[in-house]
Amino acid sequence: MITSLLLAAEGLAQLGCGIGAGIATIGAGIGIGKIGGSAVDAIARQPEASGKIFAQMILTAAFVEGCALFAIAACAFLIK
């Protein structure tokens, strides 16, 4: 009885880790899409500042990607 409950709990934990990794990936995609869209809007308004805007966009996208990679790695580590 206890063994079957532990196996069911382990299966649910693995399912939760998989769902968490998927949500992290979707969130990163949405975030990077918003960053890119906002950067294009800003460059369209002020073309002379495109260099600064582009640099900030790349830096912010790298931070978002890093957070998503950390979340996915944590989920993969917990799955075993």
PDB file of N, CA and C in Angstrom:
ATOM      1  N   MET A   1       0.819  -1.189   0.000  1.00  0.00           N
ATOM      2  CA  MET A   1       0.000   0.000   0.000  1.00  0.00           C
ATOM      3  C   MET A   1       0.865   1.256   0.000  1.00  0.00           C
ATOM      4  N   ILE A   2       1.817   1.321   0.918  1.00  0.00           N
ATOM      5  CA  ILE A   2       2.673   2.498   1.021  1.00  0.00           C
ATOM      6  C   ILE A   2       3.568   2.605  -0.208  1.00  0.00           C
ATOM      7  N   THR A   3       4.030   1.464  -0.719  1.00  0.00           N
ATOM      8  CA  THR A   3       4.893   1.474  -1.899  1.00  0.00           C
ATOM      9  C   THR A   3       4.160   2.042  -3.104  1.00  0.00           C
ATOM     10  N   SER A   4       2.918   1.653  -3.290  1.00  0.00           N
ATOM     11  CA  SER A   4       2.158   2.168  -4.429  1.00  0.00           C
ATOM     12  C   SER A   4       1.890   3.664  -4.278  1.00  0.00           C
ATOM     13  N   LEU A   5       1.682   4.139  -3.051  1.00  0.00           N
ATOM     14  CA  LEU A   5       1.494   5.568  -2.839  1.00  0.00           C
ATOM     15  C   LEU A   5       2.775   6.345  -3.145  1.00  0.00           C
ATOM     16  N   LEU A   6       3.916   5.786  -2.765  1.00  0.00           N
ATOM     17  CA  LEU A   6       5.184   6.450  -3.050  1.00  0.00           C
ATOM     18  C   LEU A   6       5.463   6.498  -4.546  1.00  0.00           C
ATOM     19  N   LEU A   7       5.131   5.426  -5.252  1.00  0.00           N
ATOM     20  CA  LEU A   7       5.318   5.421  -6.701  1.00  0.00           C
ATOM     21  C   LEU A   7       4.392   6.422  -7.373  1.00  0.00           C
ATOM     22  N   ALA A   8       3.167   6.545  -6.888  1.00  0.00           N
ATOM     23  CA  ALA A   8       2.231   7.519  -7.448  1.00  0.00           C
ATOM     24  C   ALA A   8       2.713   8.936  -7.170  1.00  0.00           C
ATOM     25  N   ALA A   9       3.244   9.176  -5.977  1.00  0.00           N
ATOM     26  CA  ALA A   9       3.748  10.507  -5.638  1.00  0.00           C
ATOM     27  C   ALA A   9       4.960  10.857  -6.491  1.00  0.00           C
ATOM     28  N   GLU A  10       5.824   9.868  -6.750  1.00  0.00           N
ATOM     29  CA  GLU A  10       6.990  10.119  -7.591  1.00  0.00           C
ATOM     30  C   GLU A  10       6.564  10.446  -9.018  1.00  0.00           C
ATOM     31  N   GLY A  11       5.564   9.753  -9.503  1.00  0.00           N
ATOM     32  CA  GLY A  11       5.052  10.032 -10.848  1.00  0.00           C
ATOM     33  C   GLY A  11       4.451  11.419 -10.942  1.00  0.00           C
ATOM     34  N   LEU A  12       3.713  11.825  -9.914  1.00  0.00           N
ATOM     35  CA  LEU A  12       3.140  13.169  -9.919  1.00  0.00           C
ATOM     36  C   LEU A  12       4.219  14.238  -9.814  1.00  0.00           C
ATOM     37  N   ALA A  13       5.281  13.949  -9.071  1.00  0.00           N
ATOM     38  CA  ALA A  13       6.392  14.893  -8.965  1.00  0.00           C
ATOM     39  C   ALA A  13       7.073  15.066 -10.323  1.00  0.00           C
ATOM     40  N   GLN A  14       7.267  13.983 -11.037  1.00  0.00           N
ATOM     41  CA  GLN A  14       7.869  14.074 -12.361  1.00  0.00           C
ATOM     42  C   GLN A  14       6.965  14.825 -13.330  1.00  0.00           C
ATOM     43  N   LEU A  15       5.669  14.605 -13.228  1.00  0.00           N
ATOM     44  CA  LEU A  15       4.722  15.337 -14.059  1.00  0.00           C
ATOM     45  C   LEU A  15       4.777  16.827 -13.750  1.00  0.00           C
ATOM     46  N   GLY A  16       4.843  17.160 -12.477  1.00  0.00           N
ATOM     47  CA  GLY A  16       4.930  18.565 -12.078  1.00  0.00           C
ATOM     48  C   GLY A  16       6.207  19.221 -12.569  1.00  0.00           C
ATOM     49  N   CYS A  17       7.318  18.492 -12.531  1.00  0.00           N
ATOM     50  CA  CYS A  17       8.577  19.040 -13.036  1.00  0.00           C
ATOM     51  C   CYS A  17       8.503  19.284 -14.545  1.00  0.00           C
ATOM     52  N   GLY A  18       7.889  18.373 -15.254  1.00  0.00           N
ATOM     53  CA  GLY A  18       7.724  18.562 -16.698  1.00  0.00           C
ATOM     54  C   GLY A  18       6.842  19.747 -17.029  1.00  0.00           C
ATOM     55  N   ILE A  19       5.753  19.884 -16.287  1.00  0.00           N
ATOM     56  CA  ILE A  19       4.865  21.030 -16.507  1.00  0.00           C
ATOM     57  C   ILE A  19       5.585  22.330 -16.146  1.00  0.00           C
ATOM     58  N   GLY A  20       6.355  22.311 -15.066  1.00  0.00           N
ATOM     59  CA  GLY A  20       7.108  23.510 -14.667  1.00  0.00           C
ATOM     60  C   GLY A  20       8.118  23.928 -15.719  1.00  0.00           C
ATOM     61  N   ALA A  21       8.811  22.963 -16.311  1.00  0.00           N
ATOM     62  CA  ALA A  21       9.770  23.283 -17.375  1.00  0.00           C
ATOM     63  C   ALA A  21       9.055  23.870 -18.587  1.00  0.00           C
ATOM     64  N   GLY A  22       7.890  23.334 -18.909  1.00  0.00           N
ATOM     65  CA  GLY A  22       7.115  23.870 -20.031  1.00  0.00           C
ATOM     66  C   GLY A  22       6.641  25.292 -19.786  1.00  0.00           C
ATOM     67  N   ILE A  23       6.178  25.553 -18.579  1.00  0.00           N
ATOM     68  CA  ILE A  23       5.723  26.905 -18.237  1.00  0.00           C
ATOM     69  C   ILE A  23       6.892  27.885 -18.273  1.00  0.00           C
ATOM     70  N   ALA A  24       8.060  27.460 -17.800  1.00  0.00           N
ATOM     71  CA  ALA A  24       9.240  28.334 -17.847  1.00  0.00           C
ATOM     72  C   ALA A  24       9.611  28.666 -19.291  1.00  0.00           C
ATOM     73  N   THR A  25       9.514  27.684 -20.170  1.00  0.00           N
ATOM     74  CA  THR A  25       9.836  27.911 -21.576  1.00  0.00           C
ATOM     75  C   THR A  25       8.837  28.854 -22.234  1.00  0.00           C
ATOM     76  N   ILE A  26       7.566  28.650 -21.951  1.00  0.00           N
ATOM     77  CA  ILE A  26       6.538  29.522 -22.515  1.00  0.00           C
ATOM     78  C   ILE A  26       6.695  30.945 -21.992  1.00  0.00           C
ATOM     79  N   GLY A  27       6.960  31.082 -20.694  1.00  0.00           N
ATOM     80  CA  GLY A  27       7.146  32.408 -20.111  1.00  0.00           C
ATOM     81  C   GLY A  27       8.334  33.137 -20.709  1.00  0.00           C
ATOM     82  N   ALA A  28       9.423  32.421 -20.932  1.00  0.00           N
ATOM     83  CA  ALA A  28      10.603  33.046 -21.542  1.00  0.00           C
ATOM     84  C   ALA A  28      10.308  33.482 -22.976  1.00  0.00           C
ATOM     85  N   GLY A  29       9.590  32.663 -23.704  1.00  0.00           N
ATOM     86  CA  GLY A  29       9.230  33.034 -25.082  1.00  0.00           C
ATOM     87  C   GLY A  29       8.365  34.277 -25.137  1.00  0.00           C
ATOM     88  N   ILE A  30       7.389  34.346 -24.241  1.00  0.00           N
ATOM     89  CA  ILE A  30       6.529  35.526 -24.190  1.00  0.00           C
ATOM     90  C   ILE A  30       7.334  36.760 -23.787  1.00  0.00           C
ATOM     91  N   GLY A  31       8.203  36.598 -22.791  1.00  0.00           N
ATOM     92  CA  GLY A  31       9.004  37.720 -22.322  1.00  0.00           C
ATOM     93  C   GLY A  31       9.940  38.255 -23.395  1.00  0.00           C
ATOM     94  N   ILE A  32      10.630  37.372 -24.091  1.00  0.00           N
ATOM     95  CA  ILE A  32      11.549  37.808 -25.138  1.00  0.00           C
ATOM     96  C   ILE A  32      10.777  38.423 -26.301  1.00  0.00           C
ATOM     97  N   GLY A  33       9.595  37.912 -26.595  1.00  0.00           N
ATOM     98  CA  GLY A  33       8.761  38.512 -27.635  1.00  0.00           C
ATOM     99  C   GLY A  33       8.344  39.933 -27.281  1.00  0.00           C
ATOM    100  N   LYS A  34       7.971  40.144 -26.021  1.00  0.00           N
ATOM    101  CA  LYS A  34       7.600  41.492 -25.592  1.00  0.00           C
ATOM    102  C   LYS A  34       8.799  42.437 -25.621  1.00  0.00           C
ATOM    103  N   ILE A  35       9.970  41.925 -25.233  1.00  0.00           N
ATOM    104  CA  ILE A  35      11.181  42.749 -25.273  1.00  0.00           C
ATOM    105  C   ILE A  35      11.481  43.178 -26.710  1.00  0.00           C
ATOM    106  N   GLY A  36      11.422  42.230 -27.626  1.00  0.00           N
ATOM    107  CA  GLY A  36      11.696  42.551 -29.030  1.00  0.00           C
ATOM    108  C   GLY A  36      10.687  43.522 -29.618  1.00  0.00           C
ATOM    109  N   GLY A  37       9.409  43.302 -29.319  1.00  0.00           N
ATOM    110  CA  GLY A  37       8.368  44.204 -29.828  1.00  0.00           C
ATOM    111  C   GLY A  37       8.515  45.614 -29.291  1.00  0.00           C
ATOM    112  N   SER A  38       8.812  45.725 -28.011  1.00  0.00           N
ATOM    113  CA  SER A  38       8.998  47.045 -27.413  1.00  0.00           C
ATOM    114  C   SER A  38      10.233  47.736 -27.968  1.00  0.00           C
ATOM    115  N   ALA A  39      11.285  46.966 -28.227  1.00  0.00           N
ATOM    116  CA  ALA A  39      12.495  47.559 -28.799  1.00  0.00           C
ATOM    117  C   ALA A  39      12.242  48.082 -30.211  1.00  0.00           C
ATOM    118  N   VAL A  40      11.495  47.338 -30.995  1.00  0.00           N
ATOM    119  CA  VAL A  40      11.173  47.800 -32.350  1.00  0.00           C
ATOM    120  C   VAL A  40      10.335  49.071 -32.295  1.00  0.00           C
ATOM    121  N   ASP A  41       9.375  49.129 -31.382  1.00  0.00           N
ATOM    122  CA  ASP A  41       8.572  50.344 -31.222  1.00  0.00           C
ATOM    123  C   ASP A  41       9.436  51.530 -30.818  1.00  0.00           C
ATOM    124  N   ALA A  42      10.361  51.296 -29.886  1.00  0.00           N
ATOM    125  CA  ALA A  42      11.227  52.375 -29.420  1.00  0.00           C
ATOM    126  C   ALA A  42      12.159  52.855 -30.529  1.00  0.00           C
ATOM    127  N   ILE A  43      12.681  51.934 -31.325  1.00  0.00           N
ATOM    128  CA  ILE A  43      13.561  52.323 -32.430  1.00  0.00           C
ATOM    129  C   ILE A  43      12.770  53.072 -33.494  1.00  0.00           C
ATOM    130  N   ALA A  44      11.514  52.695 -33.713  1.00  0.00           N
ATOM    131  CA  ALA A  44      10.689  53.402 -34.686  1.00  0.00           C
ATOM    132  C   ALA A  44      10.422  54.840 -34.238  1.00  0.00           C
ATOM    133  N   ARG A  45      10.334  55.060 -32.944  1.00  0.00           N
ATOM    134  CA  ARG A  45      10.093  56.420 -32.431  1.00  0.00           C
ATOM    135  C   ARG A  45      11.363  57.259 -32.422  1.00  0.00           C
ATOM    136  N   GLN A  46      12.495  56.638 -32.092  1.00  0.00           N
ATOM    137  CA  GLN A  46      13.769  57.355 -32.020  1.00  0.00           C
ATOM    138  C   GLN A  46      14.855  56.556 -32.737  1.00  0.00           C
ATOM    139  N   PRO A  47      14.940  56.684 -34.047  1.00  0.00           N
ATOM    140  CA  PRO A  47      15.934  55.902 -34.790  1.00  0.00           C
ATOM    141  C   PRO A  47      17.376  56.239 -34.419  1.00  0.00           C
ATOM    142  N   GLU A  48      17.619  57.440 -33.941  1.00  0.00           N
ATOM    143  CA  GLU A  48      18.994  57.823 -33.595  1.00  0.00           C
ATOM    144  C   GLU A  48      19.499  57.106 -32.347  1.00  0.00           C
ATOM    145  N   ALA A  49      18.613  56.552 -31.546  1.00  0.00           N
ATOM    146  CA  ALA A  49      19.005  55.835 -30.327  1.00  0.00           C
ATOM    147  C   ALA A  49      18.975  54.325 -30.516  1.00  0.00           C
ATOM    148  N   SER A  50      19.019  53.882 -31.757  1.00  0.00           N
ATOM    149  CA  SER A  50      18.863  52.446 -32.018  1.00  0.00           C
ATOM    150  C   SER A  50      19.994  51.620 -31.422  1.00  0.00           C
ATOM    151  N   GLY A  51      21.210  52.150 -31.393  1.00  0.00           N
ATOM    152  CA  GLY A  51      22.335  51.405 -30.830  1.00  0.00           C
ATOM    153  C   GLY A  51      22.162  51.127 -29.347  1.00  0.00           C
ATOM    154  N   LYS A  52      21.761  52.152 -28.594  1.00  0.00           N
ATOM    155  CA  LYS A  52      21.558  51.971 -27.155  1.00  0.00           C
ATOM    156  C   LYS A  52      20.377  51.048 -26.874  1.00  0.00           C
ATOM    157  N   ILE A  53      19.315  51.217 -27.639  1.00  0.00           N
ATOM    158  CA  ILE A  53      18.118  50.398 -27.440  1.00  0.00           C
ATOM    159  C   ILE A  53      18.432  48.935 -27.745  1.00  0.00           C
ATOM    160  N   PHE A  54      19.178  48.696 -28.829  1.00  0.00           N
ATOM    161  CA  PHE A  54      19.518  47.332 -29.203  1.00  0.00           C
ATOM    162  C   PHE A  54      20.379  46.665 -28.138  1.00  0.00           C
ATOM    163  N   ALA A  55      21.346  47.402 -27.596  1.00  0.00           N
ATOM    164  CA  ALA A  55      22.218  46.838 -26.560  1.00  0.00           C
ATOM    165  C   ALA A  55      21.414  46.471 -25.313  1.00  0.00           C
ATOM    166  N   GLN A  56      20.506  47.342 -24.913  1.00  0.00           N
ATOM    167  CA  GLN A  56      19.677  47.060 -23.741  1.00  0.00           C
ATOM    168  C   GLN A  56      18.727  45.891 -23.998  1.00  0.00           C
ATOM    169  N   MET A  57      18.238  45.797 -25.235  1.00  0.00           N
ATOM    170  CA  MET A  57      17.347  44.686 -25.578  1.00  0.00           C
ATOM    171  C   MET A  57      18.087  43.351 -25.475  1.00  0.00           C
ATOM    172  N   ILE A  58      19.293  43.289 -26.007  1.00  0.00           N
ATOM    173  CA  ILE A  58      20.071  42.053 -25.958  1.00  0.00           C
ATOM    174  C   ILE A  58      20.395  41.677 -24.516  1.00  0.00           C
ATOM    175  N   LEU A  59      20.775  42.652 -23.698  1.00  0.00           N
ATOM    176  CA  LEU A  59      21.102  42.391 -22.298  1.00  0.00           C
ATOM    177  C   LEU A  59      19.882  41.861 -21.535  1.00  0.00           C
ATOM    178  N   THR A  60      18.743  42.494 -21.734  1.00  0.00           N
ATOM    179  CA  THR A  60      17.529  42.060 -21.036  1.00  0.00           C
ATOM    180  C   THR A  60      17.082  40.679 -21.515  1.00  0.00           C
ATOM    181  N   ALA A  61      17.164  40.425 -22.802  1.00  0.00           N
ATOM    182  CA  ALA A  61      16.795  39.105 -23.328  1.00  0.00           C
ATOM    183  C   ALA A  61      17.723  38.024 -22.774  1.00  0.00           C
ATOM    184  N   ALA A  62      18.998  38.359 -22.598  1.00  0.00           N
ATOM    185  CA  ALA A  62      19.936  37.384 -22.026  1.00  0.00           C
ATOM    186  C   ALA A  62      19.570  37.065 -20.579  1.00  0.00           C
ATOM    187  N   PHE A  63      19.150  38.069 -19.817  1.00  0.00           N
ATOM    188  CA  PHE A  63      18.723  37.818 -18.435  1.00  0.00           C
ATOM    189  C   PHE A  63      17.475  36.931 -18.391  1.00  0.00           C
ATOM    190  N   VAL A  64      16.522  37.198 -19.252  1.00  0.00           N
ATOM    191  CA  VAL A  64      15.307  36.375 -19.296  1.00  0.00           C
ATOM    192  C   VAL A  64      15.658  34.941 -19.682  1.00  0.00           C
ATOM    193  N   GLU A  65      16.525  34.801 -20.672  1.00  0.00           N
ATOM    194  CA  GLU A  65      16.926  33.468 -21.122  1.00  0.00           C
ATOM    195  C   GLU A  65      17.678  32.725 -20.023  1.00  0.00           C
ATOM    196  N   GLY A  66      18.504  33.444 -19.280  1.00  0.00           N
ATOM    197  CA  GLY A  66      19.231  32.824 -18.172  1.00  0.00           C
ATOM    198  C   GLY A  66      18.307  32.317 -17.085  1.00  0.00           C
ATOM    199  N   CYS A  67      17.292  33.111 -16.748  1.00  0.00           N
ATOM    200  CA  CYS A  67      16.318  32.672 -15.743  1.00  0.00           C
ATOM    201  C   CYS A  67      15.554  31.443 -16.224  1.00  0.00           C
ATOM    202  N   ALA A  68      15.176  31.433 -17.493  1.00  0.00           N
ATOM    203  CA  ALA A  68      14.452  30.288 -18.040  1.00  0.00           C
ATOM    204  C   ALA A  68      15.340  29.043 -18.054  1.00  0.00           C
ATOM    205  N   LEU A  69      16.607  29.209 -18.415  1.00  0.00           N
ATOM    206  CA  LEU A  69      17.524  28.073 -18.426  1.00  0.00           C
ATOM    207  C   LEU A  69      17.715  27.511 -17.024  1.00  0.00           C
ATOM    208  N   PHE A  70      17.817  28.388 -16.036  1.00  0.00           N
ATOM    209  CA  PHE A  70      17.941  27.935 -14.653  1.00  0.00           C
ATOM    210  C   PHE A  70      16.699  27.158 -14.219  1.00  0.00           C
ATOM    211  N   ALA A  71      15.513  27.652 -14.577  1.00  0.00           N
ATOM    212  CA  ALA A  71      14.274  26.962 -14.207  1.00  0.00           C
ATOM    213  C   ALA A  71      14.181  25.591 -14.869  1.00  0.00           C
ATOM    214  N   ILE A  72      14.559  25.510 -16.124  1.00  0.00           N
ATOM    215  CA  ILE A  72      14.506  24.233 -16.833  1.00  0.00           C
ATOM    216  C   ILE A  72      15.527  23.249 -16.256  1.00  0.00           C
ATOM    217  N   ALA A  73      16.722  23.752 -15.927  1.00  0.00           N
ATOM    218  CA  ALA A  73      17.748  22.880 -15.342  1.00  0.00           C
ATOM    219  C   ALA A  73      17.314  22.389 -13.962  1.00  0.00           C
ATOM    220  N   ALA A  74      16.681  23.248 -13.179  1.00  0.00           N
ATOM    221  CA  ALA A  74      16.196  22.827 -11.858  1.00  0.00           C
ATOM    222  C   ALA A  74      15.116  21.759 -11.999  1.00  0.00           C
ATOM    223  N   CYS A  75      14.223  21.936 -12.961  1.00  0.00           N
ATOM    224  CA  CYS A  75      13.179  20.924 -13.178  1.00  0.00           C
ATOM    225  C   CYS A  75      13.782  19.604 -13.656  1.00  0.00           C
ATOM    226  N   ALA A  76      14.749  19.673 -14.553  1.00  0.00           N
ATOM    227  CA  ALA A  76      15.385  18.450 -15.046  1.00  0.00           C
ATOM    228  C   ALA A  76      16.149  17.748 -13.922  1.00  0.00           C
ATOM    229  N   PHE A  77      16.764  18.509 -13.038  1.00  0.00           N
ATOM    230  CA  PHE A  77      17.500  17.913 -11.910  1.00  0.00           C
ATOM    231  C   PHE A  77      16.536  17.214 -10.951  1.00  0.00           C
ATOM    232  N   LEU A  78      15.362  17.798 -10.759  1.00  0.00           N
ATOM    233  CA  LEU A  78      14.398  17.207  -9.828  1.00  0.00           C
ATOM    234  C   LEU A  78      13.711  15.966 -10.402  1.00  0.00           C
ATOM    235  N   ILE A  79      13.649  15.849 -11.708  1.00  0.00           N
ATOM    236  CA  ILE A  79      13.031  14.668 -12.325  1.00  0.00           C
ATOM    237  C   ILE A  79      13.879  13.428 -12.064  1.00  0.00           C
ATOM    238  N   LYS A  80      15.193  13.572 -12.020  1.00  0.00           N
ATOM    239  CA  LYS A  80      16.186  12.508 -11.769  1.00  0.00           C
ATOM    240  C   LYS A  80      16.472  11.823 -13.044  1.00  0.00           C
TER     241      LYS A  80
END
